[in-house]
Amino acid sequence: MPAVIEVSCINCDMCVPECPNEAISMGPLHYQVNPQLCTECIGYYDKPTCIEVCPIDCVALVTG
């Protein structure tokens, strides 16, 4: 289940340097997560760090 950044993203840049897999990049309007690179920080952190550092809670894990 990769992370996804919602359209409410304000492009604050908090998540980009925290991603150990360099899975986050600027999309056409806001940051986005490359699902091919996202590992939910397994092997690096206990929880996905992009979710932990987001000041507006616009990052979530894709479920189902």
PDB file of N, CA and C in Angstrom:
ATOM      1  N   MET A   1       0.846  -1.183   0.000  1.00  0.00           N
ATOM      2  CA  MET A   1       0.000   0.000   0.000  1.00  0.00           C
ATOM      3  C   MET A   1       0.887   1.241   0.000  1.00  0.00           C
ATOM      4  N   PRO A   2       1.075   1.880  -1.119  1.00  0.00           N
ATOM      5  CA  PRO A   2       1.878   3.102  -1.117  1.00  0.00           C
ATOM      6  C   PRO A   2       1.109   4.282  -0.527  1.00  0.00           C
ATOM      7  N   ALA A   3       1.852   5.294  -0.175  1.00  0.00           N
ATOM      8  CA  ALA A   3       1.235   6.532   0.313  1.00  0.00           C
ATOM      9  C   ALA A   3       0.711   7.323  -0.874  1.00  0.00           C
ATOM     10  N   VAL A   4      -0.261   8.180  -0.600  1.00  0.00           N
ATOM     11  CA  VAL A   4      -0.790   9.082  -1.614  1.00  0.00           C
ATOM     12  C   VAL A   4      -0.927  10.463  -0.981  1.00  0.00           C
ATOM     13  N   ILE A   5      -0.610  11.479  -1.753  1.00  0.00           N
ATOM     14  CA  ILE A   5      -0.725  12.858  -1.285  1.00  0.00           C
ATOM     15  C   ILE A   5      -1.980  13.456  -1.906  1.00  0.00           C
ATOM     16  N   GLU A   6      -2.857  13.959  -1.065  1.00  0.00           N
ATOM     17  CA  GLU A   6      -4.135  14.496  -1.522  1.00  0.00           C
ATOM     18  C   GLU A   6      -3.974  15.892  -2.124  1.00  0.00           C
ATOM     19  N   VAL A   7      -4.988  16.346  -2.824  1.00  0.00           N
ATOM     20  CA  VAL A   7      -4.946  17.643  -3.497  1.00  0.00           C
ATOM     21  C   VAL A   7      -4.874  18.815  -2.526  1.00  0.00           C
ATOM     22  N   SER A   8      -5.128  18.566  -1.256  1.00  0.00           N
ATOM     23  CA  SER A   8      -5.031  19.646  -0.266  1.00  0.00           C
ATOM     24  C   SER A   8      -3.579  19.980   0.088  1.00  0.00           C
ATOM     25  N   CYS A   9      -2.627  19.283  -0.504  1.00  0.00           N
ATOM     26  CA  CYS A   9      -1.197  19.526  -0.267  1.00  0.00           C
ATOM     27  C   CYS A   9      -0.857  20.986  -0.557  1.00  0.00           C
ATOM     28  N   ILE A  10      -0.096  21.597   0.358  1.00  0.00           N
ATOM     29  CA  ILE A  10       0.291  23.003   0.193  1.00  0.00           C
ATOM     30  C   ILE A  10       1.744  23.154  -0.273  1.00  0.00           C
ATOM     31  N   ASN A  11       2.366  22.042  -0.691  1.00  0.00           N
ATOM     32  CA  ASN A  11       3.738  22.056  -1.205  1.00  0.00           C
ATOM     33  C   ASN A  11       4.725  22.671  -0.217  1.00  0.00           C
ATOM     34  N   CYS A  12       4.618  22.252   1.032  1.00  0.00           N
ATOM     35  CA  CYS A  12       5.467  22.826   2.079  1.00  0.00           C
ATOM     36  C   CYS A  12       6.879  22.244   2.089  1.00  0.00           C
ATOM     37  N   ASP A  13       7.108  21.166   1.366  1.00  0.00           N
ATOM     38  CA  ASP A  13       8.422  20.521   1.256  1.00  0.00           C
ATOM     39  C   ASP A  13       8.841  19.737   2.497  1.00  0.00           C
ATOM     40  N   MET A  14       7.979  19.512   3.451  1.00  0.00           N
ATOM     41  CA  MET A  14       8.362  18.771   4.656  1.00  0.00           C
ATOM     42  C   MET A  14       8.622  17.293   4.362  1.00  0.00           C
ATOM     43  N   CYS A  15       7.862  16.709   3.473  1.00  0.00           N
ATOM     44  CA  CYS A  15       7.957  15.273   3.233  1.00  0.00           C
ATOM     45  C   CYS A  15       9.112  14.868   2.324  1.00  0.00           C
ATOM     46  N   VAL A  16       9.471  15.717   1.394  1.00  0.00           N
ATOM     47  CA  VAL A  16      10.463  15.349   0.381  1.00  0.00           C
ATOM     48  C   VAL A  16      11.799  14.902   0.980  1.00  0.00           C
ATOM     49  N   PRO A  17      12.434  15.683   1.839  1.00  0.00           N
ATOM     50  CA  PRO A  17      13.734  15.244   2.357  1.00  0.00           C
ATOM     51  C   PRO A  17      13.646  14.074   3.334  1.00  0.00           C
ATOM     52  N   GLU A  18      12.448  13.784   3.833  1.00  0.00           N
ATOM     53  CA  GLU A  18      12.274  12.694   4.795  1.00  0.00           C
ATOM     54  C   GLU A  18      12.103  11.331   4.135  1.00  0.00           C
ATOM     55  N   CYS A  19      11.792  11.295   2.858  1.00  0.00           N
ATOM     56  CA  CYS A  19      11.529  10.026   2.176  1.00  0.00           C
ATOM     57  C   CYS A  19      12.845   9.299   1.882  1.00  0.00           C
ATOM     58  N   PRO A  20      13.059   8.126   2.492  1.00  0.00           N
ATOM     59  CA  PRO A  20      14.311   7.404   2.282  1.00  0.00           C
ATOM     60  C   PRO A  20      14.431   6.784   0.893  1.00  0.00           C
ATOM     61  N   ASN A  21      13.329   6.711   0.165  1.00  0.00           N
ATOM     62  CA  ASN A  21      13.325   6.085  -1.154  1.00  0.00           C
ATOM     63  C   ASN A  21      13.238   7.090  -2.303  1.00  0.00           C
ATOM     64  N   GLU A  22      13.241   8.372  -1.972  1.00  0.00           N
ATOM     65  CA  GLU A  22      13.098   9.431  -2.976  1.00  0.00           C
ATOM     66  C   GLU A  22      11.870   9.201  -3.850  1.00  0.00           C
ATOM     67  N   ALA A  23      10.775   8.790  -3.196  1.00  0.00           N
ATOM     68  CA  ALA A  23       9.534   8.479  -3.908  1.00  0.00           C
ATOM     69  C   ALA A  23       8.626   9.687  -4.093  1.00  0.00           C
ATOM     70  N   ILE A  24       8.962  10.813  -3.482  1.00  0.00           N
ATOM     71  CA  ILE A  24       8.094  11.994  -3.546  1.00  0.00           C
ATOM     72  C   ILE A  24       8.718  13.030  -4.476  1.00  0.00           C
ATOM     73  N   SER A  25       7.909  13.519  -5.395  1.00  0.00           N
ATOM     74  CA  SER A  25       8.379  14.550  -6.328  1.00  0.00           C
ATOM     75  C   SER A  25       7.229  15.507  -6.638  1.00  0.00           C
ATOM     76  N   MET A  26       7.578  16.637  -7.221  1.00  0.00           N
ATOM     77  CA  MET A  26       6.556  17.625  -7.569  1.00  0.00           C
ATOM     78  C   MET A  26       5.782  17.156  -8.789  1.00  0.00           C
ATOM     79  N   GLY A  27       4.460  17.143  -8.658  1.00  0.00           N
ATOM     80  CA  GLY A  27       3.581  16.816  -9.770  1.00  0.00           C
ATOM     81  C   GLY A  27       3.129  18.105 -10.438  1.00  0.00           C
ATOM     82  N   PRO A  28       2.122  18.045 -11.288  1.00  0.00           N
ATOM     83  CA  PRO A  28       1.650  19.240 -11.985  1.00  0.00           C
ATOM     84  C   PRO A  28       1.153  20.347 -11.041  1.00  0.00           C
ATOM     85  N   LEU A  29       0.510  19.955  -9.925  1.00  0.00           N
ATOM     86  CA  LEU A  29      -0.041  20.945  -9.000  1.00  0.00           C
ATOM     87  C   LEU A  29       0.483  20.824  -7.579  1.00  0.00           C
ATOM     88  N   HIS A  30       0.834  19.622  -7.162  1.00  0.00           N
ATOM     89  CA  HIS A  30       1.307  19.388  -5.800  1.00  0.00           C
ATOM     90  C   HIS A  30       2.211  18.165  -5.805  1.00  0.00           C
ATOM     91  N   TYR A  31       2.819  17.894  -4.667  1.00  0.00           N
ATOM     92  CA  TYR A  31       3.686  16.729  -4.566  1.00  0.00           C
ATOM     93  C   TYR A  31       2.897  15.452  -4.768  1.00  0.00           C
ATOM     94  N   GLN A  32       3.590  14.432  -5.277  1.00  0.00           N
ATOM     95  CA  GLN A  32       2.962  13.137  -5.474  1.00  0.00           C
ATOM     96  C   GLN A  32       3.954  12.038  -5.114  1.00  0.00           C
ATOM     97  N   VAL A  33       3.427  10.850  -4.837  1.00  0.00           N
ATOM     98  CA  VAL A  33       4.246   9.710  -4.453  1.00  0.00           C
ATOM     99  C   VAL A  33       4.299   8.725  -5.617  1.00  0.00           C
ATOM    100  N   ASN A  34       5.501   8.299  -5.963  1.00  0.00           N
ATOM    101  CA  ASN A  34       5.664   7.275  -6.984  1.00  0.00           C
ATOM    102  C   ASN A  34       5.411   5.922  -6.312  1.00  0.00           C
ATOM    103  N   PRO A  35       4.320   5.223  -6.665  1.00  0.00           N
ATOM    104  CA  PRO A  35       4.002   3.964  -6.000  1.00  0.00           C
ATOM    105  C   PRO A  35       5.037   2.870  -6.255  1.00  0.00           C
ATOM    106  N   GLN A  36       5.813   3.011  -7.312  1.00  0.00           N
ATOM    107  CA  GLN A  36       6.861   2.032  -7.609  1.00  0.00           C
ATOM    108  C   GLN A  36       8.027   2.139  -6.627  1.00  0.00           C
ATOM    109  N   LEU A  37       8.194   3.320  -6.013  1.00  0.00           N
ATOM    110  CA  LEU A  37       9.307   3.543  -5.098  1.00  0.00           C
ATOM    111  C   LEU A  37       8.905   3.521  -3.627  1.00  0.00           C
ATOM    112  N   CYS A  38       7.637   3.767  -3.343  1.00  0.00           N
ATOM    113  CA  CYS A  38       7.177   3.848  -1.952  1.00  0.00           C
ATOM    114  C   CYS A  38       7.159   2.469  -1.303  1.00  0.00           C
ATOM    115  N   THR A  39       7.832   2.362  -0.167  1.00  0.00           N
ATOM    116  CA  THR A  39       7.845   1.111   0.603  1.00  0.00           C
ATOM    117  C   THR A  39       7.224   1.310   1.978  1.00  0.00           C
ATOM    118  N   GLU A  40       6.525   2.426   2.175  1.00  0.00           N
ATOM    119  CA  GLU A  40       5.942   2.801   3.471  1.00  0.00           C
ATOM    120  C   GLU A  40       7.022   2.906   4.546  1.00  0.00           C
ATOM    121  N   CYS A  41       8.245   3.170   4.120  1.00  0.00           N
ATOM    122  CA  CYS A  41       9.406   3.348   5.002  1.00  0.00           C
ATOM    123  C   CYS A  41       9.811   2.073   5.742  1.00  0.00           C
ATOM    124  N   ILE A  42       9.322   0.930   5.282  1.00  0.00           N
ATOM    125  CA  ILE A  42       9.703  -0.339   5.920  1.00  0.00           C
ATOM    126  C   ILE A  42      11.220  -0.505   5.811  1.00  0.00           C
ATOM    127  N   GLY A  43      11.821  -0.804   6.939  1.00  0.00           N
ATOM    128  CA  GLY A  43      13.268  -0.938   7.000  1.00  0.00           C
ATOM    129  C   GLY A  43      13.981   0.349   7.361  1.00  0.00           C
ATOM    130  N   TYR A  44      13.232   1.467   7.391  1.00  0.00           N
ATOM    131  CA  TYR A  44      13.805   2.765   7.733  1.00  0.00           C
ATOM    132  C   TYR A  44      13.177   3.345   8.993  1.00  0.00           C
ATOM    133  N   TYR A  45      11.845   3.387   9.020  1.00  0.00           N
ATOM    134  CA  TYR A  45      11.100   3.990  10.123  1.00  0.00           C
ATOM    135  C   TYR A  45       9.959   3.069  10.537  1.00  0.00           C
ATOM    136  N   ASP A  46       9.439   3.280  11.742  1.00  0.00           N
ATOM    137  CA  ASP A  46       8.311   2.473  12.228  1.00  0.00           C
ATOM    138  C   ASP A  46       7.014   2.786  11.486  1.00  0.00           C
ATOM    139  N   LYS A  47       6.860   4.039  11.055  1.00  0.00           N
ATOM    140  CA  LYS A  47       5.673   4.486  10.326  1.00  0.00           C
ATOM    141  C   LYS A  47       6.133   5.273   9.113  1.00  0.00           C
ATOM    142  N   PRO A  48       5.285   5.395   8.094  1.00  0.00           N
ATOM    143  CA  PRO A  48       5.664   6.225   6.942  1.00  0.00           C
ATOM    144  C   PRO A  48       5.977   7.653   7.393  1.00  0.00           C
ATOM    145  N   THR A  49       7.185   8.076   7.180  1.00  0.00           N
ATOM    146  CA  THR A  49       7.623   9.374   7.700  1.00  0.00           C
ATOM    147  C   THR A  49       6.932  10.548   7.014  1.00  0.00           C
ATOM    148  N   CYS A  50       6.500  10.383   5.772  1.00  0.00           N
ATOM    149  CA  CYS A  50       5.792  11.482   5.097  1.00  0.00           C
ATOM    150  C   CYS A  50       4.493  11.805   5.835  1.00  0.00           C
ATOM    151  N   ILE A  51       3.824  10.776   6.345  1.00  0.00           N
ATOM    152  CA  ILE A  51       2.595  10.978   7.108  1.00  0.00           C
ATOM    153  C   ILE A  51       2.909  11.671   8.427  1.00  0.00           C
ATOM    154  N   GLU A  52       3.977  11.249   9.066  1.00  0.00           N
ATOM    155  CA  GLU A  52       4.357  11.801  10.364  1.00  0.00           C
ATOM    156  C   GLU A  52       4.721  13.281  10.297  1.00  0.00           C
ATOM    157  N   VAL A  53       5.372  13.721   9.229  1.00  0.00           N
ATOM    158  CA  VAL A  53       5.856  15.111   9.169  1.00  0.00           C
ATOM    159  C   VAL A  53       4.887  16.071   8.491  1.00  0.00           C
ATOM    160  N   CYS A  54       3.838  15.581   7.861  1.00  0.00           N
ATOM    161  CA  CYS A  54       2.909  16.462   7.139  1.00  0.00           C
ATOM    162  C   CYS A  54       2.136  17.352   8.118  1.00  0.00           C
ATOM    163  N   PRO A  55       2.266  18.673   7.984  1.00  0.00           N
ATOM    164  CA  PRO A  55       1.595  19.577   8.922  1.00  0.00           C
ATOM    165  C   PRO A  55       0.088  19.702   8.707  1.00  0.00           C
ATOM    166  N   ILE A  56      -0.413  19.276   7.555  1.00  0.00           N
ATOM    167  CA  ILE A  56      -1.856  19.410   7.313  1.00  0.00           C
ATOM    168  C   ILE A  56      -2.545  18.067   7.111  1.00  0.00           C
ATOM    169  N   ASP A  57      -1.832  16.990   7.382  1.00  0.00           N
ATOM    170  CA  ASP A  57      -2.405  15.636   7.281  1.00  0.00           C
ATOM    171  C   ASP A  57      -3.021  15.341   5.920  1.00  0.00           C
ATOM    172  N   CYS A  58      -2.282  15.631   4.865  1.00  0.00           N
ATOM    173  CA  CYS A  58      -2.813  15.364   3.527  1.00  0.00           C
ATOM    174  C   CYS A  58      -2.185  14.120   2.890  1.00  0.00           C
ATOM    175  N   VAL A  59      -1.419  13.356   3.668  1.00  0.00           N
ATOM    176  CA  VAL A  59      -0.806  12.133   3.163  1.00  0.00           C
ATOM    177  C   VAL A  59      -1.496  10.954   3.839  1.00  0.00           C
ATOM    178  N   ALA A  60      -1.855   9.962   3.041  1.00  0.00           N
ATOM    179  CA  ALA A  60      -2.529   8.776   3.571  1.00  0.00           C
ATOM    180  C   ALA A  60      -2.020   7.533   2.837  1.00  0.00           C
ATOM    181  N   LEU A  61      -2.229   6.380   3.442  1.00  0.00           N
ATOM    182  CA  LEU A  61      -1.901   5.128   2.778  1.00  0.00           C
ATOM    183  C   LEU A  61      -3.080   4.681   1.950  1.00  0.00           C
ATOM    184  N   VAL A  62      -2.804   4.167   0.763  1.00  0.00           N
ATOM    185  CA  VAL A  62      -3.845   3.617  -0.094  1.00  0.00           C
ATOM    186  C   VAL A  62      -4.272   2.291   0.517  1.00  0.00           C
ATOM    187  N   THR A  63      -5.557   2.116   0.679  1.00  0.00           N
ATOM    188  CA  THR A  63      -6.053   0.863   1.251  1.00  0.00           C
ATOM    189  C   THR A  63      -6.936   0.152   0.243  1.00  0.00           C
ATOM    190  N   GLY A  64      -6.943  -1.168   0.359  1.00  0.00           N
ATOM    191  CA  GLY A  64      -7.817  -1.975  -0.484  1.00  0.00           C
ATOM    192  C   GLY A  64      -7.399  -2.011  -1.855  1.00  0.00           C
TER     193      GLY A  64
END
